[in-house]
Amino acid sequence: MIKVLQERQVKKKKFTKLIAQLNDLRSVAVHQPGYITGETLFKGKDPIDVLVISTWISEDHWKAWLTSQERIELNDIVDGIIETNTKISIYQVPTGQE
């Protein structure tokens, strides 16, 4: 099992729009093979740091979602809202802690 962390920054005035787009992404992701769960966290005032953590059965499942046309199209909208490029980190869950 893996955890995928996606870090983004957004100006306060665009925060609501970003959250709506991230919710759209998640509503599609939940139907993807290998998707387990996800959450969105934020900190800061302006810009706001937004962290999305998703859990997947495997990195192969995540990569299939990452490169899917549906995700690319939805993520292009997100990229137009955020201040900096999305930083993606993948963490492996140790065996026996799943």
N, C-alpha and C. Protein backbone atom coordinates (compact mmCIF):
# COMPACT_ATOMS: atom_id res chain seq x y z
N MET A 1 0.85 -1.17 0.00
CA MET A 1 0.00 0.00 0.00
C MET A 1 0.90 1.24 0.00
N ILE A 2 0.43 2.30 -0.68
CA ILE A 2 1.20 3.54 -0.73
C ILE A 2 0.32 4.73 -0.33
N LYS A 3 0.99 5.77 0.10
CA LYS A 3 0.35 7.07 0.35
C LYS A 3 0.97 8.06 -0.63
N VAL A 4 0.13 8.81 -1.31
CA VAL A 4 0.59 9.82 -2.25
C VAL A 4 0.27 11.18 -1.65
N LEU A 5 1.29 12.01 -1.48
CA LEU A 5 1.12 13.36 -0.95
C LEU A 5 1.29 14.35 -2.09
N GLN A 6 0.29 15.22 -2.27
CA GLN A 6 0.34 16.25 -3.29
C GLN A 6 0.24 17.60 -2.60
N GLU A 7 1.31 18.39 -2.73
CA GLU A 7 1.37 19.69 -2.07
C GLU A 7 1.18 20.80 -3.09
N ARG A 8 0.30 21.73 -2.75
CA ARG A 8 0.01 22.86 -3.63
C ARG A 8 -0.10 24.13 -2.81
N GLN A 9 0.09 25.28 -3.47
CA GLN A 9 -0.13 26.58 -2.85
C GLN A 9 -1.14 27.34 -3.68
N VAL A 10 -2.04 28.03 -2.99
CA VAL A 10 -3.08 28.79 -3.68
C VAL A 10 -3.31 30.10 -2.92
N LYS A 11 -3.60 31.15 -3.67
CA LYS A 11 -3.97 32.41 -3.04
C LYS A 11 -5.33 32.26 -2.38
N LYS A 12 -5.53 32.97 -1.28
CA LYS A 12 -6.76 32.87 -0.50
C LYS A 12 -8.01 33.08 -1.36
N LYS A 13 -7.96 34.03 -2.28
CA LYS A 13 -9.14 34.35 -3.08
C LYS A 13 -9.52 33.21 -4.04
N LYS A 14 -8.60 32.26 -4.29
CA LYS A 14 -8.88 31.14 -5.18
C LYS A 14 -9.06 29.83 -4.42
N PHE A 15 -9.00 29.88 -3.09
CA PHE A 15 -9.06 28.67 -2.28
C PHE A 15 -10.35 27.88 -2.49
N THR A 16 -11.49 28.55 -2.48
CA THR A 16 -12.78 27.86 -2.64
C THR A 16 -12.86 27.17 -3.99
N LYS A 17 -12.37 27.83 -5.03
CA LYS A 17 -12.37 27.24 -6.37
C LYS A 17 -11.46 26.01 -6.41
N LEU A 18 -10.30 26.09 -5.76
CA LEU A 18 -9.39 24.94 -5.73
C LEU A 18 -10.03 23.76 -5.01
N ILE A 19 -10.65 24.00 -3.88
CA ILE A 19 -11.27 22.91 -3.12
C ILE A 19 -12.37 22.25 -3.96
N ALA A 20 -13.14 23.04 -4.67
CA ALA A 20 -14.19 22.47 -5.53
C ALA A 20 -13.57 21.57 -6.61
N GLN A 21 -12.47 22.00 -7.21
CA GLN A 21 -11.81 21.19 -8.23
C GLN A 21 -11.20 19.93 -7.65
N LEU A 22 -10.62 20.04 -6.45
CA LEU A 22 -10.06 18.85 -5.81
C LEU A 22 -11.16 17.86 -5.45
N ASN A 23 -12.31 18.36 -5.07
CA ASN A 23 -13.45 17.48 -4.80
C ASN A 23 -13.90 16.77 -6.07
N ASP A 24 -13.88 17.49 -7.20
CA ASP A 24 -14.22 16.85 -8.48
C ASP A 24 -13.22 15.74 -8.81
N LEU A 25 -11.94 16.01 -8.59
CA LEU A 25 -10.92 14.99 -8.83
C LEU A 25 -11.16 13.76 -7.95
N ARG A 26 -11.43 14.00 -6.68
CA ARG A 26 -11.64 12.87 -5.76
C ARG A 26 -12.89 12.09 -6.13
N SER A 27 -13.93 12.77 -6.58
CA SER A 27 -15.17 12.05 -6.92
C SER A 27 -14.96 11.10 -8.09
N VAL A 28 -14.00 11.40 -8.93
CA VAL A 28 -13.66 10.48 -10.02
C VAL A 28 -12.66 9.44 -9.53
N ALA A 29 -11.70 9.84 -8.71
CA ALA A 29 -10.67 8.92 -8.21
C ALA A 29 -11.26 7.76 -7.42
N VAL A 30 -12.33 8.01 -6.67
CA VAL A 30 -12.89 6.94 -5.83
C VAL A 30 -13.36 5.74 -6.66
N HIS A 31 -13.56 5.93 -7.93
CA HIS A 31 -14.00 4.84 -8.81
C HIS A 31 -12.84 4.16 -9.54
N GLN A 32 -11.63 4.62 -9.26
CA GLN A 32 -10.47 4.05 -9.94
C GLN A 32 -10.00 2.78 -9.25
N PRO A 33 -9.59 1.78 -10.02
CA PRO A 33 -9.05 0.56 -9.41
C PRO A 33 -7.85 0.89 -8.51
N GLY A 34 -7.85 0.35 -7.32
CA GLY A 34 -6.74 0.55 -6.41
C GLY A 34 -6.85 1.72 -5.46
N TYR A 35 -7.82 2.61 -5.68
CA TYR A 35 -8.00 3.76 -4.78
C TYR A 35 -8.62 3.28 -3.48
N ILE A 36 -8.07 3.72 -2.35
CA ILE A 36 -8.60 3.33 -1.05
C ILE A 36 -9.28 4.51 -0.36
N THR A 37 -8.56 5.61 -0.19
CA THR A 37 -9.12 6.77 0.51
C THR A 37 -8.29 8.01 0.22
N GLY A 38 -8.83 9.17 0.61
CA GLY A 38 -8.09 10.42 0.45
C GLY A 38 -8.61 11.48 1.39
N GLU A 39 -7.78 12.48 1.62
CA GLU A 39 -8.19 13.61 2.45
C GLU A 39 -7.45 14.85 1.99
N THR A 40 -8.04 16.00 2.29
CA THR A 40 -7.45 17.29 1.94
C THR A 40 -7.25 18.09 3.21
N LEU A 41 -6.05 18.61 3.38
CA LEU A 41 -5.69 19.40 4.56
C LEU A 41 -5.13 20.74 4.08
N PHE A 42 -5.24 21.77 4.93
CA PHE A 42 -4.67 23.05 4.56
C PHE A 42 -4.12 23.77 5.78
N LYS A 43 -3.15 24.68 5.51
CA LYS A 43 -2.58 25.53 6.56
C LYS A 43 -2.18 26.86 5.93
N GLY A 44 -2.02 27.83 6.76
CA GLY A 44 -1.58 29.13 6.29
C GLY A 44 -2.74 30.07 6.01
N LYS A 45 -2.39 31.30 5.70
CA LYS A 45 -3.40 32.32 5.47
C LYS A 45 -3.41 32.76 4.02
N ASP A 46 -2.31 33.23 3.48
CA ASP A 46 -2.24 33.64 2.09
C ASP A 46 -0.78 33.78 1.68
N PRO A 47 -0.24 32.88 0.89
CA PRO A 47 -0.96 31.78 0.23
C PRO A 47 -1.27 30.65 1.21
N ILE A 48 -2.20 29.84 0.81
CA ILE A 48 -2.61 28.70 1.61
C ILE A 48 -1.92 27.46 1.06
N ASP A 49 -1.30 26.70 1.96
CA ASP A 49 -0.71 25.42 1.58
C ASP A 49 -1.79 24.36 1.67
N VAL A 50 -1.97 23.62 0.60
CA VAL A 50 -2.99 22.56 0.53
C VAL A 50 -2.28 21.23 0.32
N LEU A 51 -2.61 20.25 1.14
CA LEU A 51 -2.03 18.93 1.06
C LEU A 51 -3.13 17.91 0.84
N VAL A 52 -3.01 17.14 -0.23
CA VAL A 52 -3.94 16.05 -0.50
C VAL A 52 -3.18 14.75 -0.28
N ILE A 53 -3.73 13.89 0.56
CA ILE A 53 -3.13 12.59 0.84
C ILE A 53 -4.10 11.52 0.35
N SER A 54 -3.63 10.69 -0.55
CA SER A 54 -4.47 9.59 -1.01
C SER A 54 -3.75 8.27 -0.75
N THR A 55 -4.55 7.23 -0.56
CA THR A 55 -4.02 5.91 -0.29
C THR A 55 -4.43 4.99 -1.43
N TRP A 56 -3.45 4.24 -1.93
CA TRP A 56 -3.64 3.35 -3.08
C TRP A 56 -3.11 1.97 -2.74
N ILE A 57 -3.65 0.97 -3.39
CA ILE A 57 -3.18 -0.40 -3.19
C ILE A 57 -1.72 -0.54 -3.62
N SER A 58 -1.37 0.11 -4.74
CA SER A 58 0.01 0.00 -5.23
C SER A 58 0.37 1.24 -6.04
N GLU A 59 1.66 1.38 -6.28
CA GLU A 59 2.13 2.49 -7.10
C GLU A 59 1.65 2.35 -8.54
N ASP A 60 1.51 1.12 -9.01
CA ASP A 60 0.98 0.91 -10.36
C ASP A 60 -0.44 1.44 -10.49
N HIS A 61 -1.26 1.24 -9.46
CA HIS A 61 -2.63 1.78 -9.48
C HIS A 61 -2.60 3.31 -9.52
N TRP A 62 -1.73 3.90 -8.71
CA TRP A 62 -1.60 5.36 -8.68
C TRP A 62 -1.16 5.87 -10.06
N LYS A 63 -0.15 5.24 -10.65
CA LYS A 63 0.36 5.69 -11.94
C LYS A 63 -0.69 5.58 -13.03
N ALA A 64 -1.52 4.55 -12.96
CA ALA A 64 -2.61 4.42 -13.95
C ALA A 64 -3.56 5.60 -13.82
N TRP A 65 -3.88 6.01 -12.61
CA TRP A 65 -4.73 7.18 -12.38
C TRP A 65 -4.02 8.46 -12.80
N LEU A 66 -2.76 8.59 -12.43
CA LEU A 66 -1.97 9.78 -12.73
C LEU A 66 -1.94 10.06 -14.23
N THR A 67 -1.84 9.02 -15.03
CA THR A 67 -1.70 9.19 -16.48
C THR A 67 -3.01 9.04 -17.24
N SER A 68 -4.12 8.86 -16.52
CA SER A 68 -5.41 8.73 -17.20
C SER A 68 -5.85 10.07 -17.78
N GLN A 69 -6.50 10.02 -18.92
CA GLN A 69 -6.96 11.23 -19.60
C GLN A 69 -7.91 12.03 -18.72
N GLU A 70 -8.78 11.34 -18.01
CA GLU A 70 -9.76 12.02 -17.15
C GLU A 70 -9.06 12.85 -16.07
N ARG A 71 -8.05 12.26 -15.41
CA ARG A 71 -7.32 12.98 -14.38
C ARG A 71 -6.54 14.14 -14.97
N ILE A 72 -5.90 13.92 -16.11
CA ILE A 72 -5.12 14.97 -16.74
C ILE A 72 -6.00 16.18 -17.04
N GLU A 73 -7.17 15.95 -17.57
CA GLU A 73 -8.08 17.07 -17.90
C GLU A 73 -8.53 17.81 -16.64
N LEU A 74 -8.90 17.09 -15.59
CA LEU A 74 -9.31 17.74 -14.35
C LEU A 74 -8.14 18.45 -13.68
N ASN A 75 -6.97 17.84 -13.72
CA ASN A 75 -5.80 18.43 -13.08
C ASN A 75 -5.32 19.68 -13.81
N ASP A 76 -5.54 19.75 -15.12
CA ASP A 76 -5.18 20.97 -15.87
C ASP A 76 -5.92 22.18 -15.31
N ILE A 77 -7.16 21.99 -14.89
CA ILE A 77 -7.93 23.08 -14.27
C ILE A 77 -7.29 23.47 -12.95
N VAL A 78 -6.92 22.48 -12.14
CA VAL A 78 -6.25 22.74 -10.86
C VAL A 78 -4.97 23.52 -11.10
N ASP A 79 -4.18 23.09 -12.08
CA ASP A 79 -2.91 23.77 -12.36
C ASP A 79 -3.10 25.24 -12.71
N GLY A 80 -4.25 25.58 -13.28
CA GLY A 80 -4.53 26.97 -13.61
C GLY A 80 -4.91 27.82 -12.41
N ILE A 81 -5.17 27.20 -11.28
CA ILE A 81 -5.59 27.90 -10.07
C ILE A 81 -4.44 28.10 -9.09
N ILE A 82 -3.52 27.12 -9.03
CA ILE A 82 -2.48 27.14 -8.01
C ILE A 82 -1.33 28.07 -8.38
N GLU A 83 -0.53 28.42 -7.36
CA GLU A 83 0.57 29.37 -7.52
C GLU A 83 1.86 28.72 -8.02
N THR A 84 2.11 27.49 -7.60
CA THR A 84 3.35 26.79 -7.95
C THR A 84 3.00 25.39 -8.45
N ASN A 85 3.95 24.73 -9.05
CA ASN A 85 3.72 23.36 -9.51
C ASN A 85 3.41 22.45 -8.33
N THR A 86 2.58 21.47 -8.56
CA THR A 86 2.24 20.48 -7.54
C THR A 86 3.47 19.63 -7.25
N LYS A 87 3.77 19.47 -5.96
CA LYS A 87 4.85 18.58 -5.55
C LYS A 87 4.21 17.25 -5.15
N ILE A 88 4.63 16.16 -5.79
CA ILE A 88 4.08 14.84 -5.51
C ILE A 88 5.15 13.97 -4.86
N SER A 89 4.81 13.37 -3.72
CA SER A 89 5.70 12.44 -3.03
C SER A 89 4.93 11.15 -2.78
N ILE A 90 5.60 10.03 -2.98
CA ILE A 90 4.98 8.72 -2.77
C ILE A 90 5.70 8.02 -1.63
N TYR A 91 4.92 7.57 -0.66
CA TYR A 91 5.45 6.87 0.51
C TYR A 91 4.89 5.46 0.56
N GLN A 92 5.74 4.53 0.86
CA GLN A 92 5.36 3.13 1.00
C GLN A 92 4.94 2.87 2.44
N VAL A 93 3.82 2.17 2.62
CA VAL A 93 3.39 1.76 3.95
C VAL A 93 4.12 0.45 4.28
N PRO A 94 4.84 0.38 5.43
CA PRO A 94 5.56 -0.84 5.77
C PRO A 94 4.62 -2.03 5.85
N THR A 95 5.09 -3.16 5.36
CA THR A 95 4.32 -4.40 5.42
C THR A 95 3.93 -4.69 6.86
N GLY A 96 2.69 -5.10 7.05
CA GLY A 96 2.18 -5.39 8.39
C GLY A 96 1.50 -4.21 9.06
N GLN A 97 1.56 -3.01 8.44
CA GLN A 97 0.92 -1.83 9.02
C GLN A 97 -0.21 -1.35 8.12
N GLU A 98 -0.73 -2.21 7.29
CA GLU A 98 -1.76 -1.82 6.34
C GLU A 98 -3.14 -1.90 6.93
